[in-house]
Every structure is written in structure tokens, then in C-alpha cells.
């Protein structure tokens, strides 16, 4: 049996992204006429899908921050060590 497709409104997505799952289920039920279990299943699947997308975008390392500062300090330390080795009296 093929599952019907529903258009999920921006209001439902906003509620879901804000952590208001119950509100998202209520809105979806009002918009589509789905039963409670069906609407909850749709919202749960959508939440899982959106968590997967957000993990992909947040799992990439960012430049800067603490790791960037540590790298900068290491470069400075190496430059100072090289300078003192070659140019010290």
C-alpha cells in the first residue's frame, strides 16, 4: 500500500524546529485531517529527517574558534624557535 503524500506547511516546520512537537502534530492534523497516530508518524519521520540534515551541516569543522587559536599559537611558537635558532647571538 502506497503512503499518501502531504504538503507540510511552514508553520508545522517552524513548530517542529522550535521543539514544539505536539503543536506540530496539532497543526498537521488541522491542515490535513489526519488522525492522531498518522500525524504523529509523519511528524516523527520529518523530525528524524531534519535532524539528519542538521547533523550534516553542523558536523563539518569550522575555522577559527579554539582549534584555530591553538594552530595560530603553534605557528608563532615555531617561528619564534626558528628565529632564535638562526639569529640568536
PDB file of N, CA and C in Angstrom:
ATOM      1  N   UNK A   1       0.840  -1.183   0.000  1.00  0.00           N
ATOM      2  CA  UNK A   1       0.000   0.000   0.000  1.00  0.00           C
ATOM      3  C   UNK A   1       0.885   1.246   0.000  1.00  0.00           C
ATOM      4  N   UNK A   2       0.620   2.159  -0.901  1.00  0.00           N
ATOM      5  CA  UNK A   2       1.430   3.365  -1.039  1.00  0.00           C
ATOM      6  C   UNK A   2       0.932   4.436  -0.076  1.00  0.00           C
ATOM      7  N   UNK A   3       1.902   5.095   0.603  1.00  0.00           N
ATOM      8  CA  UNK A   3       1.533   6.142   1.553  1.00  0.00           C
ATOM      9  C   UNK A   3       1.210   7.427   0.804  1.00  0.00           C
ATOM     10  N   UNK A   4       0.130   8.118   1.207  1.00  0.00           N
ATOM     11  CA  UNK A   4      -0.179   9.393   0.557  1.00  0.00           C
ATOM     12  C   UNK A   4       0.839  10.452   0.948  1.00  0.00           C
ATOM     13  N   UNK A   5       1.045  11.403   0.064  1.00  0.00           N
ATOM     14  CA  UNK A   5       1.989  12.486   0.325  1.00  0.00           C
ATOM     15  C   UNK A   5       1.213  13.690   0.827  1.00  0.00           C
ATOM     16  N   UNK A   6       1.786  14.377   1.806  1.00  0.00           N
ATOM     17  CA  UNK A   6       1.158  15.567   2.363  1.00  0.00           C
ATOM     18  C   UNK A   6       2.125  16.728   2.242  1.00  0.00           C
ATOM     19  N   UNK A   7       1.577  17.884   1.959  1.00  0.00           N
ATOM     20  CA  UNK A   7       2.381  19.092   1.955  1.00  0.00           C
ATOM     21  C   UNK A   7       2.408  19.613   3.382  1.00  0.00           C
ATOM     22  N   UNK A   8       3.592  19.763   3.902  1.00  0.00           N
ATOM     23  CA  UNK A   8       3.757  20.234   5.272  1.00  0.00           C
ATOM     24  C   UNK A   8       4.012  21.734   5.215  1.00  0.00           C
ATOM     25  N   UNK A   9       3.205  22.482   5.946  1.00  0.00           N
ATOM     26  CA  UNK A   9       3.297  23.941   5.894  1.00  0.00           C
ATOM     27  C   UNK A   9       4.527  24.447   6.653  1.00  0.00           C
ATOM     28  N   UNK A  10       4.845  25.700   6.383  1.00  0.00           N
ATOM     29  CA  UNK A  10       5.959  26.340   7.081  1.00  0.00           C
ATOM     30  C   UNK A  10       5.686  26.448   8.577  1.00  0.00           C
ATOM     31  N   UNK A  11       4.414  26.604   8.963  1.00  0.00           N
ATOM     32  CA  UNK A  11       4.063  26.687  10.382  1.00  0.00           C
ATOM     33  C   UNK A  11       4.385  25.378  11.107  1.00  0.00           C
ATOM     34  N   UNK A  12       4.097  24.255  10.454  1.00  0.00           N
ATOM     35  CA  UNK A  12       4.399  22.943  11.048  1.00  0.00           C
ATOM     36  C   UNK A  12       5.908  22.785  11.194  1.00  0.00           C
ATOM     37  N   UNK A  13       6.657  23.141  10.174  1.00  0.00           N
ATOM     38  CA  UNK A  13       8.117  23.016  10.216  1.00  0.00           C
ATOM     39  C   UNK A  13       8.704  23.934  11.277  1.00  0.00           C
ATOM     40  N   UNK A  14       8.180  25.158  11.384  1.00  0.00           N
ATOM     41  CA  UNK A  14       8.677  26.090  12.397  1.00  0.00           C
ATOM     42  C   UNK A  14       8.428  25.548  13.800  1.00  0.00           C
ATOM     43  N   UNK A  15       7.243  24.989  14.026  1.00  0.00           N
ATOM     44  CA  UNK A  15       6.940  24.408  15.335  1.00  0.00           C
ATOM     45  C   UNK A  15       7.866  23.230  15.623  1.00  0.00           C
ATOM     46  N   UNK A  16       8.089  22.409  14.635  1.00  0.00           N
ATOM     47  CA  UNK A  16       8.965  21.249  14.800  1.00  0.00           C
ATOM     48  C   UNK A  16      10.401  21.676  15.082  1.00  0.00           C
ATOM     49  N   UNK A  17      10.902  22.645  14.324  1.00  0.00           N
ATOM     50  CA  UNK A  17      12.275  23.115  14.520  1.00  0.00           C
ATOM     51  C   UNK A  17      12.459  23.810  15.870  1.00  0.00           C
ATOM     52  N   UNK A  18      11.373  24.338  16.419  1.00  0.00           N
ATOM     53  CA  UNK A  18      11.445  25.003  17.726  1.00  0.00           C
ATOM     54  C   UNK A  18      11.265  24.020  18.883  1.00  0.00           C
ATOM     55  N   UNK A  19      11.107  22.748  18.555  1.00  0.00           N
ATOM     56  CA  UNK A  19      10.962  21.734  19.600  1.00  0.00           C
ATOM     57  C   UNK A  19       9.533  21.587  20.095  1.00  0.00           C
ATOM     58  N   UNK A  20       8.575  22.172  19.395  1.00  0.00           N
ATOM     59  CA  UNK A  20       7.174  22.096  19.797  1.00  0.00           C
ATOM     60  C   UNK A  20       6.477  20.998  18.977  1.00  0.00           C
ATOM     61  N   UNK A  21       6.813  19.756  19.299  1.00  0.00           N
ATOM     62  CA  UNK A  21       6.329  18.605  18.533  1.00  0.00           C
ATOM     63  C   UNK A  21       4.814  18.464  18.611  1.00  0.00           C
ATOM     64  N   UNK A  22       4.257  18.647  19.797  1.00  0.00           N
ATOM     65  CA  UNK A  22       2.804  18.494  19.954  1.00  0.00           C
ATOM     66  C   UNK A  22       2.068  19.525  19.118  1.00  0.00           C
ATOM     67  N   UNK A  23       2.563  20.762  19.126  1.00  0.00           N
ATOM     68  CA  UNK A  23       1.950  21.801  18.303  1.00  0.00           C
ATOM     69  C   UNK A  23       2.049  21.455  16.818  1.00  0.00           C
ATOM     70  N   UNK A  24       3.190  20.887  16.407  1.00  0.00           N
ATOM     71  CA  UNK A  24       3.370  20.488  15.010  1.00  0.00           C
ATOM     72  C   UNK A  24       2.362  19.412  14.624  1.00  0.00           C
ATOM     73  N   UNK A  25       2.140  18.455  15.515  1.00  0.00           N
ATOM     74  CA  UNK A  25       1.157  17.395  15.253  1.00  0.00           C
ATOM     75  C   UNK A  25      -0.241  17.997  15.137  1.00  0.00           C
ATOM     76  N   UNK A  26      -0.598  18.902  16.063  1.00  0.00           N
ATOM     77  CA  UNK A  26      -1.918  19.538  16.014  1.00  0.00           C
ATOM     78  C   UNK A  26      -2.126  20.310  14.716  1.00  0.00           C
ATOM     79  N   UNK A  27      -1.117  21.088  14.327  1.00  0.00           N
ATOM     80  CA  UNK A  27      -1.229  21.860  13.090  1.00  0.00           C
ATOM     81  C   UNK A  27      -1.387  20.951  11.879  1.00  0.00           C
ATOM     82  N   UNK A  28      -0.600  19.884  11.824  1.00  0.00           N
ATOM     83  CA  UNK A  28      -0.684  18.958  10.693  1.00  0.00           C
ATOM     84  C   UNK A  28      -2.056  18.303  10.633  1.00  0.00           C
ATOM     85  N   UNK A  29      -2.608  17.953  11.786  1.00  0.00           N
ATOM     86  CA  UNK A  29      -3.951  17.349  11.816  1.00  0.00           C
ATOM     87  C   UNK A  29      -4.997  18.324  11.308  1.00  0.00           C
ATOM     88  N   UNK A  30      -4.878  19.597  11.718  1.00  0.00           N
ATOM     89  CA  UNK A  30      -5.846  20.612  11.265  1.00  0.00           C
ATOM     90  C   UNK A  30      -5.755  20.810   9.752  1.00  0.00           C
ATOM     91  N   UNK A  31      -4.539  20.800   9.237  1.00  0.00           N
ATOM     92  CA  UNK A  31      -4.336  21.082   7.811  1.00  0.00           C
ATOM     93  C   UNK A  31      -4.716  19.915   6.911  1.00  0.00           C
ATOM     94  N   UNK A  32      -4.528  18.681   7.405  1.00  0.00           N
ATOM     95  CA  UNK A  32      -4.700  17.514   6.528  1.00  0.00           C
ATOM     96  C   UNK A  32      -5.876  16.620   6.893  1.00  0.00           C
ATOM     97  N   UNK A  33      -6.378  16.744   8.114  1.00  0.00           N
ATOM     98  CA  UNK A  33      -7.450  15.853   8.546  1.00  0.00           C
ATOM     99  C   UNK A  33      -6.957  14.474   8.957  1.00  0.00           C
ATOM    100  N   UNK A  34      -5.651  14.310   9.118  1.00  0.00           N
ATOM    101  CA  UNK A  34      -5.095  13.026   9.545  1.00  0.00           C
ATOM    102  C   UNK A  34      -5.512  12.710  10.979  1.00  0.00           C
ATOM    103  N   UNK A  35      -5.485  11.427  11.300  1.00  0.00           N
ATOM    104  CA  UNK A  35      -5.713  11.006  12.678  1.00  0.00           C
ATOM    105  C   UNK A  35      -4.467  11.271  13.516  1.00  0.00           C
ATOM    106  N   UNK A  36      -4.615  11.108  14.819  1.00  0.00           N
ATOM    107  CA  UNK A  36      -3.516  11.408  15.732  1.00  0.00           C
ATOM    108  C   UNK A  36      -2.285  10.557  15.443  1.00  0.00           C
ATOM    109  N   UNK A  37      -2.456   9.252  15.309  1.00  0.00           N
ATOM    110  CA  UNK A  37      -1.308   8.368  15.086  1.00  0.00           C
ATOM    111  C   UNK A  37      -0.640   8.668  13.750  1.00  0.00           C
ATOM    112  N   UNK A  38      -1.426   8.864  12.713  1.00  0.00           N
ATOM    113  CA  UNK A  38      -0.856   9.131  11.397  1.00  0.00           C
ATOM    114  C   UNK A  38      -0.076  10.446  11.391  1.00  0.00           C
ATOM    115  N   UNK A  39      -0.658  11.485  12.014  1.00  0.00           N
ATOM    116  CA  UNK A  39       0.023  12.783  12.070  1.00  0.00           C
ATOM    117  C   UNK A  39       1.306  12.683  12.888  1.00  0.00           C
ATOM    118  N   UNK A  40       1.261  11.945  14.005  1.00  0.00           N
ATOM    119  CA  UNK A  40       2.464  11.787  14.828  1.00  0.00           C
ATOM    120  C   UNK A  40       3.541  11.037  14.060  1.00  0.00           C
ATOM    121  N   UNK A  41       3.153  10.023  13.303  1.00  0.00           N
ATOM    122  CA  UNK A  41       4.127   9.280  12.499  1.00  0.00           C
ATOM    123  C   UNK A  41       4.787  10.178  11.450  1.00  0.00           C
ATOM    124  N   UNK A  42       3.991  11.033  10.812  1.00  0.00           N
ATOM    125  CA  UNK A  42       4.531  11.948   9.805  1.00  0.00           C
ATOM    126  C   UNK A  42       5.506  12.920  10.465  1.00  0.00           C
ATOM    127  N   UNK A  43       5.111  13.480  11.608  1.00  0.00           N
ATOM    128  CA  UNK A  43       5.962  14.451  12.308  1.00  0.00           C
ATOM    129  C   UNK A  43       7.243  13.781  12.798  1.00  0.00           C
ATOM    130  N   UNK A  44       7.134  12.574  13.336  1.00  0.00           N
ATOM    131  CA  UNK A  44       8.340  11.858  13.793  1.00  0.00           C
ATOM    132  C   UNK A  44       9.301  11.606  12.641  1.00  0.00           C
ATOM    133  N   UNK A  45       8.772  11.191  11.496  1.00  0.00           N
ATOM    134  CA  UNK A  45       9.626  10.941  10.326  1.00  0.00           C
ATOM    135  C   UNK A  45      10.268  12.243   9.842  1.00  0.00           C
ATOM    136  N   UNK A  46       9.488  13.310   9.834  1.00  0.00           N
ATOM    137  CA  UNK A  46      10.015  14.603   9.413  1.00  0.00           C
ATOM    138  C   UNK A  46      11.081  15.103  10.383  1.00  0.00           C
ATOM    139  N   UNK A  47      10.852  14.913  11.672  1.00  0.00           N
ATOM    140  CA  UNK A  47      11.834  15.332  12.679  1.00  0.00           C
ATOM    141  C   UNK A  47      13.136  14.565  12.507  1.00  0.00           C
ATOM    142  N   UNK A  48      13.032  13.273  12.273  1.00  0.00           N
ATOM    143  CA  UNK A  48      14.232  12.463  12.078  1.00  0.00           C
ATOM    144  C   UNK A  48      14.981  12.899  10.824  1.00  0.00           C
ATOM    145  N   UNK A  49      14.250  13.183   9.766  1.00  0.00           N
ATOM    146  CA  UNK A  49      14.868  13.637   8.518  1.00  0.00           C
ATOM    147  C   UNK A  49      15.573  14.984   8.718  1.00  0.00           C
ATOM    148  N   UNK A  50      14.919  15.901   9.432  1.00  0.00           N
ATOM    149  CA  UNK A  50      15.503  17.224   9.640  1.00  0.00           C
ATOM    150  C   UNK A  50      16.700  17.160  10.591  1.00  0.00           C
ATOM    151  N   UNK A  51      16.684  16.265  11.571  1.00  0.00           N
ATOM    152  CA  UNK A  51      17.847  16.087  12.448  1.00  0.00           C
ATOM    153  C   UNK A  51      19.032  15.578  11.651  1.00  0.00           C
ATOM    154  N   UNK A  52      18.791  14.689  10.720  1.00  0.00           N
ATOM    155  CA  UNK A  52      19.863  14.177   9.868  1.00  0.00           C
ATOM    156  C   UNK A  52      20.489  15.271   9.035  1.00  0.00           C
ATOM    157  N   UNK A  53      19.666  16.160   8.494  1.00  0.00           N
ATOM    158  CA  UNK A  53      20.182  17.271   7.699  1.00  0.00           C
ATOM    159  C   UNK A  53      20.969  18.232   8.561  1.00  0.00           C
ATOM    160  N   UNK A  54      20.483  18.505   9.778  1.00  0.00           N
ATOM    161  CA  UNK A  54      21.196  19.465  10.626  1.00  0.00           C
ATOM    162  C   UNK A  54      22.507  18.874  11.114  1.00  0.00           C
ATOM    163  N   UNK A  55      22.567  17.563  11.324  1.00  0.00           N
ATOM    164  CA  UNK A  55      23.833  16.944  11.736  1.00  0.00           C
ATOM    165  C   UNK A  55      24.851  17.025  10.615  1.00  0.00           C
ATOM    166  N   UNK A  56      24.416  16.918   9.374  1.00  0.00           N
ATOM    167  CA  UNK A  56      25.341  17.025   8.259  1.00  0.00           C
ATOM    168  C   UNK A  56      25.932  18.416   8.176  1.00  0.00           C
ATOM    169  N   UNK A  57      25.126  19.424   8.426  1.00  0.00           N
ATOM    170  CA  UNK A  57      25.628  20.789   8.311  1.00  0.00           C
ATOM    171  C   UNK A  57      26.457  21.197   9.513  1.00  0.00           C
ATOM    172  N   UNK A  58      26.185  20.636  10.684  1.00  0.00           N
ATOM    173  CA  UNK A  58      26.936  21.045  11.860  1.00  0.00           C
ATOM    174  C   UNK A  58      28.130  20.145  12.137  1.00  0.00           C
ATOM    175  N   UNK A  59      28.256  19.038  11.424  1.00  0.00           N
ATOM    176  CA  UNK A  59      29.371  18.144  11.703  1.00  0.00           C
ATOM    177  C   UNK A  59      30.666  18.589  11.033  1.00  0.00           C
ATOM    178  N   UNK A  60      30.574  19.516  10.089  1.00  0.00           N
ATOM    179  CA  UNK A  60      31.777  19.991   9.429  1.00  0.00           C
ATOM    180  C   UNK A  60      32.511  20.951  10.355  1.00  0.00           C
ATOM    181  N   UNK A  61      33.827  20.817  10.482  1.00  0.00           N
ATOM    182  CA  UNK A  61      34.563  21.697  11.379  1.00  0.00           C
ATOM    183  C   UNK A  61      34.570  23.127  10.863  1.00  0.00           C
ATOM    184  N   UNK A  62      34.519  24.046  11.795  1.00  0.00           N
ATOM    185  CA  UNK A  62      34.547  25.452  11.441  1.00  0.00           C
ATOM    186  C   UNK A  62      35.954  25.981  11.640  1.00  0.00           C
ATOM    187  N   UNK A  63      36.317  26.947  10.825  1.00  0.00           N
ATOM    188  CA  UNK A  63      37.600  27.610  11.007  1.00  0.00           C
ATOM    189  C   UNK A  63      37.490  28.555  12.186  1.00  0.00           C
ATOM    190  N   UNK A  64      38.603  28.781  12.834  1.00  0.00           N
ATOM    191  CA  UNK A  64      38.604  29.684  13.978  1.00  0.00           C
ATOM    192  C   UNK A  64      38.268  28.926  15.245  1.00  0.00           C
ATOM    193  N   UNK A  65      37.807  29.643  16.240  1.00  0.00           N
ATOM    194  CA  UNK A  65      37.464  29.005  17.497  1.00  0.00           C
ATOM    195  C   UNK A  65      38.724  28.567  18.235  1.00  0.00           C
ATOM    196  N   UNK A  66      38.583  27.643  19.168  1.00  0.00           N
ATOM    197  CA  UNK A  66      39.704  27.188  19.984  1.00  0.00           C
ATOM    198  C   UNK A  66      40.752  26.466  19.148  1.00  0.00           C
ATOM    199  N   UNK A  67      40.333  25.631  18.204  1.00  0.00           N
ATOM    200  CA  UNK A  67      41.317  24.904  17.400  1.00  0.00           C
ATOM    201  C   UNK A  67      42.113  25.858  16.514  1.00  0.00           C
ATOM    202  N   UNK A  68      41.452  26.898  15.996  1.00  0.00           N
ATOM    203  CA  UNK A  68      42.157  27.899  15.196  1.00  0.00           C
ATOM    204  C   UNK A  68      43.173  28.663  16.025  1.00  0.00           C
ATOM    205  N   UNK A  69      42.826  28.969  17.265  1.00  0.00           N
ATOM    206  CA  UNK A  69      43.735  29.680  18.164  1.00  0.00           C
ATOM    207  C   UNK A  69      44.951  28.819  18.500  1.00  0.00           C
ATOM    208  N   UNK A  70      44.726  27.550  18.737  1.00  0.00           N
ATOM    209  CA  UNK A  70      45.839  26.635  19.048  1.00  0.00           C
ATOM    210  C   UNK A  70      46.779  26.530  17.851  1.00  0.00           C
ATOM    211  N   UNK A  71      46.228  26.424  16.656  1.00  0.00           N
ATOM    212  CA  UNK A  71      47.067  26.360  15.456  1.00  0.00           C
ATOM    213  C   UNK A  71      47.893  27.634  15.299  1.00  0.00           C
ATOM    214  N   UNK A  72      47.271  28.775  15.536  1.00  0.00           N
ATOM    215  CA  UNK A  72      47.972  30.047  15.437  1.00  0.00           C
ATOM    216  C   UNK A  72      49.112  30.125  16.452  1.00  0.00           C
ATOM    217  N   UNK A  73      48.854  29.699  17.675  1.00  0.00           N
ATOM    218  CA  UNK A  73      49.894  29.719  18.709  1.00  0.00           C
ATOM    219  C   UNK A  73      51.047  28.779  18.362  1.00  0.00           C
ATOM    220  N   UNK A  74      50.745  27.632  17.784  1.00  0.00           N
ATOM    221  CA  UNK A  74      51.798  26.699  17.366  1.00  0.00           C
ATOM    222  C   UNK A  74      52.659  27.296  16.260  1.00  0.00           C
ATOM    223  N   UNK A  75      52.042  27.965  15.307  1.00  0.00           N
ATOM    224  CA  UNK A  75      52.793  28.600  14.224  1.00  0.00           C
ATOM    225  C   UNK A  75      53.705  29.683  14.787  1.00  0.00           C
ATOM    226  N   UNK A  76      53.182  30.486  15.698  1.00  0.00           N
ATOM    227  CA  UNK A  76      54.001  31.536  16.318  1.00  0.00           C
ATOM    228  C   UNK A  76      55.164  30.936  17.088  1.00  0.00           C
ATOM    229  N   UNK A  77      54.915  29.855  17.831  1.00  0.00           N
ATOM    230  CA  UNK A  77      55.979  29.206  18.599  1.00  0.00           C
ATOM    231  C   UNK A  77      57.068  28.662  17.681  1.00  0.00           C
ATOM    232  N   UNK A  78      56.686  28.063  16.563  1.00  0.00           N
ATOM    233  CA  UNK A  78      57.665  27.525  15.617  1.00  0.00           C
ATOM    234  C   UNK A  78      58.478  28.666  14.996  1.00  0.00           C
ATOM    235  N   UNK A  79      57.803  29.752  14.639  1.00  0.00           N
ATOM    236  CA  UNK A  79      58.517  30.897  14.077  1.00  0.00           C
ATOM    237  C   UNK A  79      59.505  31.500  15.081  1.00  0.00           C
ATOM    238  N   UNK A  80      59.086  31.628  16.330  1.00  0.00           N
ATOM    239  CA  UNK A  80      59.982  32.164  17.362  1.00  0.00           C
ATOM    240  C   UNK A  80      61.172  31.235  17.606  1.00  0.00           C
ATOM    241  N   UNK A  81      60.919  29.931  17.609  1.00  0.00           N
ATOM    242  CA  UNK A  81      62.011  28.970  17.810  1.00  0.00           C
ATOM    243  C   UNK A  81      62.987  29.037  16.635  1.00  0.00           C
ATOM    244  N   UNK A  82      62.471  29.132  15.422  1.00  0.00           N
ATOM    245  CA  UNK A  82      63.337  29.237  14.254  1.00  0.00           C
ATOM    246  C   UNK A  82      64.131  30.531  14.264  1.00  0.00           C
ATOM    247  N   UNK A  83      63.514  31.601  14.634  1.00  0.00           N
ATOM    248  CA  UNK A  83      64.204  32.893  14.699  1.00  0.00           C
ATOM    249  C   UNK A  83      65.325  32.850  15.730  1.00  0.00           C
ATOM    250  N   UNK A  84      65.012  32.330  16.916  1.00  0.00           N
ATOM    251  CA  UNK A  84      66.041  32.302  17.965  1.00  0.00           C
ATOM    252  C   UNK A  84      67.169  31.327  17.605  1.00  0.00           C
ATOM    253  N   UNK A  85      66.892  30.286  16.863  1.00  0.00           N
ATOM    254  CA  UNK A  85      67.923  29.320  16.483  1.00  0.00           C
ATOM    255  C   UNK A  85      68.879  29.934  15.451  1.00  0.00           C
ATOM    256  N   UNK A  86      68.325  30.606  14.444  1.00  0.00           N
ATOM    257  CA  UNK A  86      69.140  31.123  13.376  1.00  0.00           C
ATOM    258  C   UNK A  86      69.748  32.508  13.623  1.00  0.00           C
ATOM    259  N   UNK A  87      69.076  33.320  14.415  1.00  0.00           N
ATOM    260  CA  UNK A  87      69.517  34.696  14.569  1.00  0.00           C
ATOM    261  C   UNK A  87      69.973  35.051  15.988  1.00  0.00           C
ATOM    262  N   UNK A  88      70.050  34.111  16.864  1.00  0.00           N
ATOM    263  CA  UNK A  88      70.488  34.395  18.234  1.00  0.00           C
ATOM    264  C   UNK A  88      72.010  34.560  18.244  1.00  0.00           C
ATOM    265  N   UNK A  89      72.490  35.480  19.072  1.00  0.00           N
ATOM    266  CA  UNK A  89      73.936  35.721  19.164  1.00  0.00           C
ATOM    267  C   UNK A  89      74.618  34.700  20.005  1.00  0.00           C
TER     268      UNK A  89
END
